[in-house]
Every structure is written in structure tokens, then in C-alpha cells.
């Protein structure tokens, strides 16, 4: 009581004010690399509505930033991402429609954000330090490249709670062979980092604690290339993957023809012939 009576009115007001909530997403730029860090460690970086919106906003911004040449998505805490925020979803069961409209909204905005990663004209690399499950696994599968800690695990465990991982299935089934994808989806059992690498879900496995720097080093290599060439190559990669064999060859022949006409292709080929480093104009 003595302590309270000696406090000033101003200090009492400051003590009673709630501390500002930590932002769900952090951004740090290292040269030409933008690092986006999921920042809900107490919620295992679950993809809340706020976190999805924050990711979407940053990706939209980065798409138009010519000084950013690659993106790394990382996470704070022990988990990369536990998927959708089930507490947030469950809270809407009391809505008049038992949450149907809200569930549809969340699945739609999350799917849009995932597609934004695919359509981003810059490579996106996941740095996975811990468990990536459900929509968290989907996020890893959606990224163009992925580096995993040897302590990382990957799972699509929705089947365990009566909620099949249907939207994560889209990205997963486009990354790994069908039997592996179905095994993860039907059993819900996690796979370790080396198994994920063998499946093709991640590119590299590195010692725990080094995954972020390894992902940044990976990004630096890609960022050293012509951004024009990387942009058209990434777009062509995803488009041709959905085509028949004949259509894919027809389309990519057109892409290569246009690419050959670009100033960076002319410069790159001349630099190779002349045994010097290319000077990209992007």
C-alpha cells in the first residue's frame, strides 16, 4: 500500500495502460534481400487473419520494390508455423451461420496470399527452424525454395482433428510425389527434415541455428542474377507445369525466344564468351 500511495498519477496511468501488441510480422532488409519473420511465437506462429494480411501487404509492397531482389520467410520461436489459428476460427462458431462466412473468408485470403508468393516476380525462400504443419507446411511448399534446420519437421495433421488439409494439399501435391503427399495427408504423421529433402519439399538441410543465414546465402546467389531473367523464368516455371507436354514446349520456346531478345541475355552470353562478369541492366 505504501508503494501505491507514493506513485505519481502519471505513473499509475502508465502502469494501467496495456503494452502495445507485438506486430505479427517483422521485416528486415539486408541489401537486396527482404527478410519477413513470422512473429507470433506464443501462438506457434499460427496464420491468424492479422498475420495473413500482414504477409499479403508486405508481398504487395515488395513486388514493386526494384531494390529488393529476393525474399526470405523465417519465423521467431520454436515453431515455423502451426497452420491456421484454430482458436480464432473456433471463436466464430457462435456466429449466426456457425462461422461459415468467416471460414470461407480466411481460406480465401490465405489462398490469395499463397498465390501471391507464386506470382511474385522475385524468388521466395523459406528458412524453417522448427515444425511446419498444416498451412505452415503449405507456406513452405508454396515458397520457391526452402532451407530447413535439421531439427525441422513437416506435417499435414488435419486428419487427426477431423479437418483434412485440403488447401495445404494443393501446394504439397505440387512439390512432392503423390504417394508421399498422400502418406502425409492421410496419416498426419510428421516427417523429419532429411525425409522432406528426399521428397523434394526442401532444398537444403543445415545444422540447427544456421538455417536463416543459409537461406540468406541462397537468396544472395539468386539475387546476383538478372532480375528480368529470374522474373520471366519463375513465371514460366509455374505456367508450364500446368500444361500438357506439347503445350509446355510450345510456350517455353516462345519464352526463350523473347528472352533471347532481351539486353541481359545478349550481355550475359557475351560475358560468358569473353570470360568476364556480366553487367546486368535488369
C-alpha atoms as a PDB file:
ATOM      1  CA  UNK A   1       0.000   0.000   0.000  1.00  0.00           C
ATOM      2  CA  UNK A   2       2.869   2.360   0.811  1.00  0.00           C
ATOM      3  CA  UNK A   3       4.260   1.778  -2.690  1.00  0.00           C
ATOM      4  CA  UNK A   4       0.957   2.652  -4.355  1.00  0.00           C
ATOM      5  CA  UNK A   5       0.418   5.850  -2.362  1.00  0.00           C
ATOM      6  CA  UNK A   6       3.867   7.147  -3.284  1.00  0.00           C
ATOM      7  CA  UNK A   7       3.342   6.627  -7.042  1.00  0.00           C
ATOM      8  CA  UNK A   8       2.510   9.682  -9.143  1.00  0.00           C
ATOM      9  CA  UNK A   9      -0.793   9.906 -11.010  1.00  0.00           C
ATOM     10  CA  UNK A  10       1.122   9.767 -14.286  1.00  0.00           C
ATOM     11  CA  UNK A  11       2.962   6.577 -13.333  1.00  0.00           C
ATOM     12  CA  UNK A  12      -0.309   4.947 -12.257  1.00  0.00           C
ATOM     13  CA  UNK A  13      -1.802   5.743 -15.673  1.00  0.00           C
ATOM     14  CA  UNK A  14       1.250   4.298 -17.439  1.00  0.00           C
ATOM     15  CA  UNK A  15       1.114   1.130 -15.346  1.00  0.00           C
ATOM     16  CA  UNK A  16      -2.553   0.617 -16.169  1.00  0.00           C
ATOM     17  CA  UNK A  17      -2.158   1.061 -19.909  1.00  0.00           C
ATOM     18  CA  UNK A  18      -1.777  -2.217 -21.824  1.00  0.00           C
ATOM     19  CA  UNK A  19       1.531  -2.656 -23.574  1.00  0.00           C
ATOM     20  CA  UNK A  20       1.269  -2.418 -27.363  1.00  0.00           C
ATOM     21  CA  UNK A  21       0.861  -5.796 -29.048  1.00  0.00           C
ATOM     22  CA  UNK A  22       3.888  -7.052 -30.941  1.00  0.00           C
ATOM     23  CA  UNK A  23       3.417  -6.914 -34.716  1.00  0.00           C
ATOM     24  CA  UNK A  24       2.600 -10.356 -36.170  1.00  0.00           C
ATOM     25  CA  UNK A  25       5.187  -9.878 -38.919  1.00  0.00           C
ATOM     26  CA  UNK A  26       8.618  -8.268 -38.873  1.00  0.00           C
ATOM     27  CA  UNK A  27      10.616  -7.066 -41.854  1.00  0.00           C
ATOM     28  CA  UNK A  28      14.352  -6.536 -42.154  1.00  0.00           C
ATOM     29  CA  UNK A  29      16.190  -5.708 -45.362  1.00  0.00           C
ATOM     30  CA  UNK A  30      19.749  -6.948 -45.818  1.00  0.00           C
ATOM     31  CA  UNK A  31      20.935  -5.365 -49.008  1.00  0.00           C
ATOM     32  CA  UNK A  32      18.737  -6.703 -51.796  1.00  0.00           C
ATOM     33  CA  UNK A  33      17.152  -9.371 -49.558  1.00  0.00           C
ATOM     34  CA  UNK A  34      13.907  -8.748 -47.659  1.00  0.00           C
ATOM     35  CA  UNK A  35      13.516 -10.955 -44.585  1.00  0.00           C
ATOM     36  CA  UNK A  36       9.921 -11.421 -43.424  1.00  0.00           C
ATOM     37  CA  UNK A  37       9.729 -13.008 -39.965  1.00  0.00           C
ATOM     38  CA  UNK A  38       6.557 -14.576 -38.590  1.00  0.00           C
ATOM     39  CA  UNK A  39       6.302 -13.085 -35.118  1.00  0.00           C
ATOM     40  CA  UNK A  40       3.631 -14.935 -33.130  1.00  0.00           C
ATOM     41  CA  UNK A  41       5.903 -17.321 -31.212  1.00  0.00           C
ATOM     42  CA  UNK A  42       3.478 -17.749 -28.297  1.00  0.00           C
ATOM     43  CA  UNK A  43       0.855 -18.973 -30.794  1.00  0.00           C
ATOM     44  CA  UNK A  44       3.406 -21.128 -32.652  1.00  0.00           C
ATOM     45  CA  UNK A  45       3.250 -18.608 -35.480  1.00  0.00           C
ATOM     46  CA  UNK A  46      -0.213 -19.765 -36.473  1.00  0.00           C
ATOM     47  CA  UNK A  47      -1.553 -17.946 -39.506  1.00  0.00           C
ATOM     48  CA  UNK A  48      -4.077 -15.621 -37.920  1.00  0.00           C
ATOM     49  CA  UNK A  49      -6.116 -13.221 -40.019  1.00  0.00           C
ATOM     50  CA  UNK A  50      -3.757 -10.424 -38.971  1.00  0.00           C
ATOM     51  CA  UNK A  51      -0.621 -12.354 -39.926  1.00  0.00           C
ATOM     52  CA  UNK A  52      -2.038 -13.336 -43.310  1.00  0.00           C
ATOM     53  CA  UNK A  53      -2.983  -9.708 -44.001  1.00  0.00           C
ATOM     54  CA  UNK A  54       0.481  -8.527 -42.935  1.00  0.00           C
ATOM     55  CA  UNK A  55       2.177 -11.044 -45.241  1.00  0.00           C
ATOM     56  CA  UNK A  56      -0.076 -10.033 -48.118  1.00  0.00           C
ATOM     57  CA  UNK A  57       0.673  -6.345 -47.585  1.00  0.00           C
ATOM     58  CA  UNK A  58       4.455  -6.834 -47.485  1.00  0.00           C
ATOM     59  CA  UNK A  59       4.440  -9.078 -50.563  1.00  0.00           C
ATOM     60  CA  UNK A  60       2.431  -6.463 -52.441  1.00  0.00           C
ATOM     61  CA  UNK A  61       4.964  -3.814 -51.437  1.00  0.00           C
ATOM     62  CA  UNK A  62       7.987  -5.942 -52.340  1.00  0.00           C
ATOM     63  CA  UNK A  63       6.550  -6.732 -55.773  1.00  0.00           C
ATOM     64  CA  UNK A  64       7.103  -3.082 -56.732  1.00  0.00           C
ATOM     65  CA  UNK A  65      10.438  -2.505 -54.996  1.00  0.00           C
ATOM     66  CA  UNK A  66      13.176  -2.663 -57.608  1.00  0.00           C
ATOM     67  CA  UNK A  67      15.914  -2.670 -54.953  1.00  0.00           C
ATOM     68  CA  UNK A  68      14.640  -5.966 -53.482  1.00  0.00           C
ATOM     69  CA  UNK A  69      15.735  -8.982 -55.500  1.00  0.00           C
ATOM     70  CA  UNK A  70      14.747 -11.901 -53.246  1.00  0.00           C
ATOM     71  CA  UNK A  71      12.674 -12.661 -50.143  1.00  0.00           C
ATOM     72  CA  UNK A  72      13.308 -14.935 -47.153  1.00  0.00           C
ATOM     73  CA  UNK A  73      10.414 -16.012 -44.929  1.00  0.00           C
ATOM     74  CA  UNK A  74      11.547 -17.015 -41.431  1.00  0.00           C
ATOM     75  CA  UNK A  75       9.939 -17.314 -38.002  1.00  0.00           C
ATOM     76  CA  UNK A  76      10.596 -16.473 -34.365  1.00  0.00           C
ATOM     77  CA  UNK A  77      10.246 -19.092 -31.651  1.00  0.00           C
ATOM     78  CA  UNK A  78      10.364 -22.877 -31.697  1.00  0.00           C
ATOM     79  CA  UNK A  79       7.790 -23.413 -34.465  1.00  0.00           C
ATOM     80  CA  UNK A  80       7.918 -22.154 -38.039  1.00  0.00           C
ATOM     81  CA  UNK A  81       4.113 -22.205 -38.235  1.00  0.00           C
ATOM     82  CA  UNK A  82       1.434 -24.460 -36.790  1.00  0.00           C
ATOM     83  CA  UNK A  83      -1.026 -23.593 -39.563  1.00  0.00           C
ATOM     84  CA  UNK A  84      -4.297 -21.719 -39.198  1.00  0.00           C
ATOM     85  CA  UNK A  85      -5.176 -20.191 -35.825  1.00  0.00           C
ATOM     86  CA  UNK A  86      -7.757 -22.726 -34.627  1.00  0.00           C
ATOM     87  CA  UNK A  87      -8.717 -20.638 -31.593  1.00  0.00           C
ATOM     88  CA  UNK A  88      -9.509 -17.706 -33.869  1.00  0.00           C
ATOM     89  CA  UNK A  89     -11.584 -19.937 -36.141  1.00  0.00           C
ATOM     90  CA  UNK A  90     -13.391 -21.679 -33.302  1.00  0.00           C
ATOM     91  CA  UNK A  91     -14.396 -18.333 -31.769  1.00  0.00           C
ATOM     92  CA  UNK A  92     -16.635 -17.773 -34.806  1.00  0.00           C
ATOM     93  CA  UNK A  93     -18.731 -20.876 -34.146  1.00  0.00           C
ATOM     94  CA  UNK A  94     -21.099 -18.566 -32.257  1.00  0.00           C
ATOM     95  CA  UNK A  95     -21.880 -16.584 -35.427  1.00  0.00           C
ATOM     96  CA  UNK A  96     -25.396 -16.941 -36.820  1.00  0.00           C
ATOM     97  CA  UNK A  97     -24.063 -19.110 -39.661  1.00  0.00           C
ATOM     98  CA  UNK A  98     -21.807 -21.097 -37.272  1.00  0.00           C
ATOM     99  CA  UNK A  99     -18.790 -19.368 -38.823  1.00  0.00           C
ATOM    100  CA  UNK A 100     -19.262 -20.424 -42.435  1.00  0.00           C
ATOM    101  CA  UNK A 101     -18.754 -16.936 -43.913  1.00  0.00           C
ATOM    102  CA  UNK A 102     -15.689 -16.279 -41.767  1.00  0.00           C
ATOM    103  CA  UNK A 103     -14.147 -19.673 -42.540  1.00  0.00           C
ATOM    104  CA  UNK A 104     -14.652 -19.022 -46.267  1.00  0.00           C
ATOM    105  CA  UNK A 105     -13.052 -15.592 -45.900  1.00  0.00           C
ATOM    106  CA  UNK A 106      -9.970 -16.924 -44.102  1.00  0.00           C
ATOM    107  CA  UNK A 107      -9.434 -19.761 -46.579  1.00  0.00           C
ATOM    108  CA  UNK A 108      -9.818 -17.329 -49.477  1.00  0.00           C
ATOM    109  CA  UNK A 109      -7.421 -14.673 -48.156  1.00  0.00           C
ATOM    110  CA  UNK A 110      -4.882 -17.338 -47.203  1.00  0.00           C
ATOM    111  CA  UNK A 111      -5.107 -18.932 -50.657  1.00  0.00           C
ATOM    112  CA  UNK A 112      -4.685 -15.491 -52.234  1.00  0.00           C
ATOM    113  CA  UNK A 113      -1.578 -14.839 -50.133  1.00  0.00           C
ATOM    114  CA  UNK A 114      -0.078 -18.207 -51.146  1.00  0.00           C
ATOM    115  CA  UNK A 115      -0.735 -17.451 -54.810  1.00  0.00           C
ATOM    116  CA  UNK A 116       0.880 -14.036 -54.377  1.00  0.00           C
ATOM    117  CA  UNK A 117       4.097 -15.810 -53.369  1.00  0.00           C
ATOM    118  CA  UNK A 118       3.948 -17.909 -56.532  1.00  0.00           C
ATOM    119  CA  UNK A 119       3.217 -14.864 -58.708  1.00  0.00           C
ATOM    120  CA  UNK A 120       5.789 -12.609 -57.026  1.00  0.00           C
ATOM    121  CA  UNK A 121       8.396 -11.690 -59.666  1.00  0.00           C
ATOM    122  CA  UNK A 122      11.172 -12.421 -57.164  1.00  0.00           C
ATOM    123  CA  UNK A 123      12.222 -15.737 -55.605  1.00  0.00           C
ATOM    124  CA  UNK A 124      10.913 -16.524 -52.116  1.00  0.00           C
ATOM    125  CA  UNK A 125      12.905 -18.802 -49.810  1.00  0.00           C
ATOM    126  CA  UNK A 126      11.623 -20.379 -46.595  1.00  0.00           C
ATOM    127  CA  UNK A 127      14.007 -20.668 -43.619  1.00  0.00           C
ATOM    128  CA  UNK A 128      12.441 -23.370 -41.463  1.00  0.00           C
ATOM    129  CA  UNK A 129      13.742 -23.785 -37.917  1.00  0.00           C
ATOM    130  CA  UNK A 130      11.000 -25.936 -36.356  1.00  0.00           C
ATOM    131  CA  UNK A 131       7.685 -27.626 -37.018  1.00  0.00           C
ATOM    132  CA  UNK A 132       5.787 -26.522 -40.131  1.00  0.00           C
ATOM    133  CA  UNK A 133       2.352 -28.096 -40.038  1.00  0.00           C
ATOM    134  CA  UNK A 134      -0.907 -27.771 -41.974  1.00  0.00           C
ATOM    135  CA  UNK A 135      -0.982 -24.275 -43.542  1.00  0.00           C
ATOM    136  CA  UNK A 136       2.554 -23.799 -42.206  1.00  0.00           C
ATOM    137  CA  UNK A 137       3.677 -26.756 -44.316  1.00  0.00           C
ATOM    138  CA  UNK A 138       1.667 -25.235 -47.171  1.00  0.00           C
ATOM    139  CA  UNK A 139       3.641 -22.000 -46.782  1.00  0.00           C
ATOM    140  CA  UNK A 140       6.944 -23.879 -47.076  1.00  0.00           C
ATOM    141  CA  UNK A 141       5.706 -25.822 -50.107  1.00  0.00           C
ATOM    142  CA  UNK A 142       4.499 -22.593 -51.727  1.00  0.00           C
ATOM    143  CA  UNK A 143       7.881 -20.866 -51.440  1.00  0.00           C
ATOM    144  CA  UNK A 144      10.137 -21.281 -54.468  1.00  0.00           C
ATOM    145  CA  UNK A 145      12.999 -22.673 -52.375  1.00  0.00           C
ATOM    146  CA  UNK A 146      13.362 -23.880 -48.787  1.00  0.00           C
ATOM    147  CA  UNK A 147      16.205 -24.346 -46.316  1.00  0.00           C
ATOM    148  CA  UNK A 148      15.451 -26.412 -43.212  1.00  0.00           C
ATOM    149  CA  UNK A 149      17.167 -26.871 -39.879  1.00  0.00           C
ATOM    150  CA  UNK A 150      17.968 -30.486 -39.111  1.00  0.00           C
ATOM    151  CA  UNK A 151      15.523 -30.055 -36.212  1.00  0.00           C
ATOM    152  CA  UNK A 152      12.648 -29.049 -38.523  1.00  0.00           C
ATOM    153  CA  UNK A 153       9.629 -31.276 -39.115  1.00  0.00           C
ATOM    154  CA  UNK A 154       6.784 -31.124 -41.585  1.00  0.00           C
ATOM    155  CA  UNK A 155       3.221 -32.387 -41.251  1.00  0.00           C
ATOM    156  CA  UNK A 156      -0.322 -32.065 -42.569  1.00  0.00           C
ATOM    157  CA  UNK A 157      -2.137 -33.353 -39.459  1.00  0.00           C
ATOM    158  CA  UNK A 158      -5.621 -32.015 -40.131  1.00  0.00           C
ATOM    159  CA  UNK A 159      -6.958 -35.549 -40.451  1.00  0.00           C
ATOM    160  CA  UNK A 160      -6.221 -36.031 -36.737  1.00  0.00           C
ATOM    161  CA  UNK A 161      -8.786 -33.377 -35.780  1.00  0.00           C
ATOM    162  CA  UNK A 162     -11.373 -34.095 -38.439  1.00  0.00           C
ATOM    163  CA  UNK A 163     -10.233 -31.289 -40.756  1.00  0.00           C
ATOM    164  CA  UNK A 164      -8.496 -32.645 -43.846  1.00  0.00           C
ATOM    165  CA  UNK A 165      -5.645 -30.395 -45.024  1.00  0.00           C
ATOM    166  CA  UNK A 166      -7.278 -29.683 -48.367  1.00  0.00           C
ATOM    167  CA  UNK A 167      -5.742 -26.272 -49.119  1.00  0.00           C
ATOM    168  CA  UNK A 168      -2.258 -27.335 -47.902  1.00  0.00           C
ATOM    169  CA  UNK A 169      -2.688 -30.343 -50.209  1.00  0.00           C
ATOM    170  CA  UNK A 170      -2.595 -28.031 -53.252  1.00  0.00           C
ATOM    171  CA  UNK A 171       0.957 -26.830 -52.598  1.00  0.00           C
ATOM    172  CA  UNK A 172       2.164 -30.131 -51.125  1.00  0.00           C
ATOM    173  CA  UNK A 173       0.978 -32.219 -54.083  1.00  0.00           C
ATOM    174  CA  UNK A 174       2.754 -29.848 -56.467  1.00  0.00           C
ATOM    175  CA  UNK A 175       6.050 -30.324 -54.631  1.00  0.00           C
ATOM    176  CA  UNK A 176       6.328 -33.999 -53.766  1.00  0.00           C
ATOM    177  CA  UNK A 177       5.335 -37.297 -55.455  1.00  0.00           C
ATOM    178  CA  UNK A 178       1.739 -38.390 -54.926  1.00  0.00           C
ATOM    179  CA  UNK A 179       2.457 -41.335 -52.643  1.00  0.00           C
ATOM    180  CA  UNK A 180       4.478 -39.110 -50.302  1.00  0.00           C
ATOM    181  CA  UNK A 181       1.811 -36.406 -50.330  1.00  0.00           C
ATOM    182  CA  UNK A 182      -0.987 -38.881 -49.654  1.00  0.00           C
ATOM    183  CA  UNK A 183       1.047 -40.502 -46.899  1.00  0.00           C
ATOM    184  CA  UNK A 184       1.403 -37.177 -45.090  1.00  0.00           C
ATOM    185  CA  UNK A 185      -2.216 -36.166 -45.688  1.00  0.00           C
ATOM    186  CA  UNK A 186      -3.820 -39.466 -44.676  1.00  0.00           C
ATOM    187  CA  UNK A 187      -1.700 -40.277 -41.625  1.00  0.00           C
ATOM    188  CA  UNK A 188      -0.960 -36.790 -40.299  1.00  0.00           C
ATOM    189  CA  UNK A 189       2.440 -38.112 -39.222  1.00  0.00           C
ATOM    190  CA  UNK A 190       5.332 -35.626 -39.340  1.00  0.00           C
ATOM    191  CA  UNK A 191       8.418 -36.188 -41.463  1.00  0.00           C
ATOM    192  CA  UNK A 192      11.877 -35.030 -40.478  1.00  0.00           C
ATOM    193  CA  UNK A 193      14.000 -32.581 -42.442  1.00  0.00           C
ATOM    194  CA  UNK A 194      16.094 -35.178 -44.267  1.00  0.00           C
ATOM    195  CA  UNK A 195      12.975 -37.068 -45.324  1.00  0.00           C
ATOM    196  CA  UNK A 196      11.455 -33.781 -46.525  1.00  0.00           C
ATOM    197  CA  UNK A 197      14.596 -33.112 -48.543  1.00  0.00           C
ATOM    198  CA  UNK A 198      14.423 -36.573 -50.085  1.00  0.00           C
ATOM    199  CA  UNK A 199      10.804 -35.917 -51.071  1.00  0.00           C
ATOM    200  CA  UNK A 200      11.696 -32.581 -52.650  1.00  0.00           C
ATOM    201  CA  UNK A 201       9.841 -30.444 -50.116  1.00  0.00           C
ATOM    202  CA  UNK A 202      13.052 -28.622 -49.109  1.00  0.00           C
ATOM    203  CA  UNK A 203      16.282 -27.933 -50.970  1.00  0.00           C
ATOM    204  CA  UNK A 204      18.823 -27.978 -48.166  1.00  0.00           C
ATOM    205  CA  UNK A 205      19.130 -29.239 -44.584  1.00  0.00           C
ATOM    206  CA  UNK A 206      21.601 -27.410 -42.352  1.00  0.00           C
ATOM    207  CA  UNK A 207      22.573 -27.560 -38.661  1.00  0.00           C
ATOM    208  CA  UNK A 208      20.001 -26.070 -36.291  1.00  0.00           C
ATOM    209  CA  UNK A 209      20.548 -22.358 -35.772  1.00  0.00           C
ATOM    210  CA  UNK A 210      22.148 -21.778 -39.177  1.00  0.00           C
ATOM    211  CA  UNK A 211      19.027 -22.039 -41.350  1.00  0.00           C
ATOM    212  CA  UNK A 212      18.391 -18.294 -41.633  1.00  0.00           C
ATOM    213  CA  UNK A 213      21.924 -17.426 -42.707  1.00  0.00           C
ATOM    214  CA  UNK A 214      21.896 -20.390 -45.106  1.00  0.00           C
ATOM    215  CA  UNK A 215      18.640 -19.149 -46.628  1.00  0.00           C
ATOM    216  CA  UNK A 216      20.058 -15.631 -46.969  1.00  0.00           C
ATOM    217  CA  UNK A 217      23.186 -17.039 -48.656  1.00  0.00           C
ATOM    218  CA  UNK A 218      20.905 -18.969 -51.021  1.00  0.00           C
ATOM    219  CA  UNK A 219      18.964 -15.763 -51.717  1.00  0.00           C
ATOM    220  CA  UNK A 220      22.185 -13.833 -52.354  1.00  0.00           C
ATOM    221  CA  UNK A 221      23.147 -16.282 -55.102  1.00  0.00           C
ATOM    222  CA  UNK A 222      19.797 -15.848 -56.833  1.00  0.00           C
ATOM    223  CA  UNK A 223      19.878 -12.081 -56.287  1.00  0.00           C
ATOM    224  CA  UNK A 224      23.157 -11.885 -58.218  1.00  0.00           C
ATOM    225  CA  UNK A 225      21.344 -12.908 -61.422  1.00  0.00           C
ATOM    226  CA  UNK A 226      19.441 -10.648 -63.797  1.00  0.00           C
ATOM    227  CA  UNK A 227      16.119  -9.783 -62.158  1.00  0.00           C
ATOM    228  CA  UNK A 228      14.485  -9.686 -65.590  1.00  0.00           C
ATOM    229  CA  UNK A 229      15.661 -13.216 -66.339  1.00  0.00           C
ATOM    230  CA  UNK A 230      14.605 -14.527 -62.917  1.00  0.00           C
ATOM    231  CA  UNK A 231      11.182 -12.899 -63.272  1.00  0.00           C
ATOM    232  CA  UNK A 232      10.347 -14.445 -66.629  1.00  0.00           C
ATOM    233  CA  UNK A 233      11.868 -17.773 -65.601  1.00  0.00           C
ATOM    234  CA  UNK A 234       9.827 -18.041 -62.411  1.00  0.00           C
ATOM    235  CA  UNK A 235       6.601 -17.166 -64.209  1.00  0.00           C
ATOM    236  CA  UNK A 236       7.324 -19.672 -66.977  1.00  0.00           C
ATOM    237  CA  UNK A 237       8.171 -22.416 -64.478  1.00  0.00           C
ATOM    238  CA  UNK A 238       4.777 -22.325 -62.806  1.00  0.00           C
ATOM    239  CA  UNK A 239       2.805 -21.810 -66.010  1.00  0.00           C
ATOM    240  CA  UNK A 240       4.382 -24.690 -67.937  1.00  0.00           C
ATOM    241  CA  UNK A 241       3.920 -27.062 -65.008  1.00  0.00           C
ATOM    242  CA  UNK A 242       0.144 -26.908 -65.525  1.00  0.00           C
ATOM    243  CA  UNK A 243       0.342 -27.582 -69.287  1.00  0.00           C
ATOM    244  CA  UNK A 244       0.469 -30.686 -71.431  1.00  0.00           C
ATOM    245  CA  UNK A 245       3.920 -31.669 -72.700  1.00  0.00           C
ATOM    246  CA  UNK A 246       3.344 -30.250 -76.181  1.00  0.00           C
ATOM    247  CA  UNK A 247       1.818 -27.016 -74.880  1.00  0.00           C
ATOM    248  CA  UNK A 248       4.650 -26.615 -72.378  1.00  0.00           C
ATOM    249  CA  UNK A 249       7.304 -26.898 -75.095  1.00  0.00           C
ATOM    250  CA  UNK A 250       5.391 -24.523 -77.369  1.00  0.00           C
ATOM    251  CA  UNK A 251       5.034 -21.961 -74.591  1.00  0.00           C
ATOM    252  CA  UNK A 252       8.620 -22.170 -73.302  1.00  0.00           C
ATOM    253  CA  UNK A 253      10.012 -21.912 -76.855  1.00  0.00           C
ATOM    254  CA  UNK A 254       8.162 -18.597 -77.131  1.00  0.00           C
ATOM    255  CA  UNK A 255       9.506 -17.517 -73.735  1.00  0.00           C
ATOM    256  CA  UNK A 256      13.094 -18.359 -74.697  1.00  0.00           C
ATOM    257  CA  UNK A 257      12.757 -16.507 -77.985  1.00  0.00           C
ATOM    258  CA  UNK A 258      11.607 -13.370 -76.175  1.00  0.00           C
ATOM    259  CA  UNK A 259      14.319 -13.882 -73.560  1.00  0.00           C
ATOM    260  CA  UNK A 260      16.991 -14.091 -76.269  1.00  0.00           C
ATOM    261  CA  UNK A 261      15.923 -10.652 -77.487  1.00  0.00           C
ATOM    262  CA  UNK A 262      16.486  -9.111 -74.047  1.00  0.00           C
ATOM    263  CA  UNK A 263      19.504  -6.909 -73.374  1.00  0.00           C
ATOM    264  CA  UNK A 264      20.532  -9.007 -70.343  1.00  0.00           C
ATOM    265  CA  UNK A 265      20.617 -12.203 -72.412  1.00  0.00           C
ATOM    266  CA  UNK A 266      22.814 -10.521 -75.015  1.00  0.00           C
ATOM    267  CA  UNK A 267      25.097  -9.178 -72.270  1.00  0.00           C
ATOM    268  CA  UNK A 268      25.199 -12.479 -70.379  1.00  0.00           C
ATOM    269  CA  UNK A 269      26.125 -14.508 -73.449  1.00  0.00           C
ATOM    270  CA  UNK A 270      28.800 -12.014 -74.482  1.00  0.00           C
ATOM    271  CA  UNK A 271      30.218 -12.000 -70.949  1.00  0.00           C
ATOM    272  CA  UNK A 272      30.396 -15.802 -70.978  1.00  0.00           C
ATOM    273  CA  UNK A 273      32.178 -15.838 -74.341  1.00  0.00           C
ATOM    274  CA  UNK A 274      34.542 -13.071 -73.231  1.00  0.00           C
ATOM    275  CA  UNK A 275      35.133 -14.749 -69.841  1.00  0.00           C
ATOM    276  CA  UNK A 276      34.065 -11.761 -67.720  1.00  0.00           C
ATOM    277  CA  UNK A 277      31.334 -10.962 -65.239  1.00  0.00           C
ATOM    278  CA  UNK A 278      28.077  -9.741 -66.790  1.00  0.00           C
ATOM    279  CA  UNK A 279      26.755  -6.233 -66.175  1.00  0.00           C
ATOM    280  CA  UNK A 280      23.014  -6.623 -65.789  1.00  0.00           C
ATOM    281  CA  UNK A 281      20.600  -3.889 -66.765  1.00  0.00           C
ATOM    282  CA  UNK A 282      17.610  -5.796 -65.328  1.00  0.00           C
END
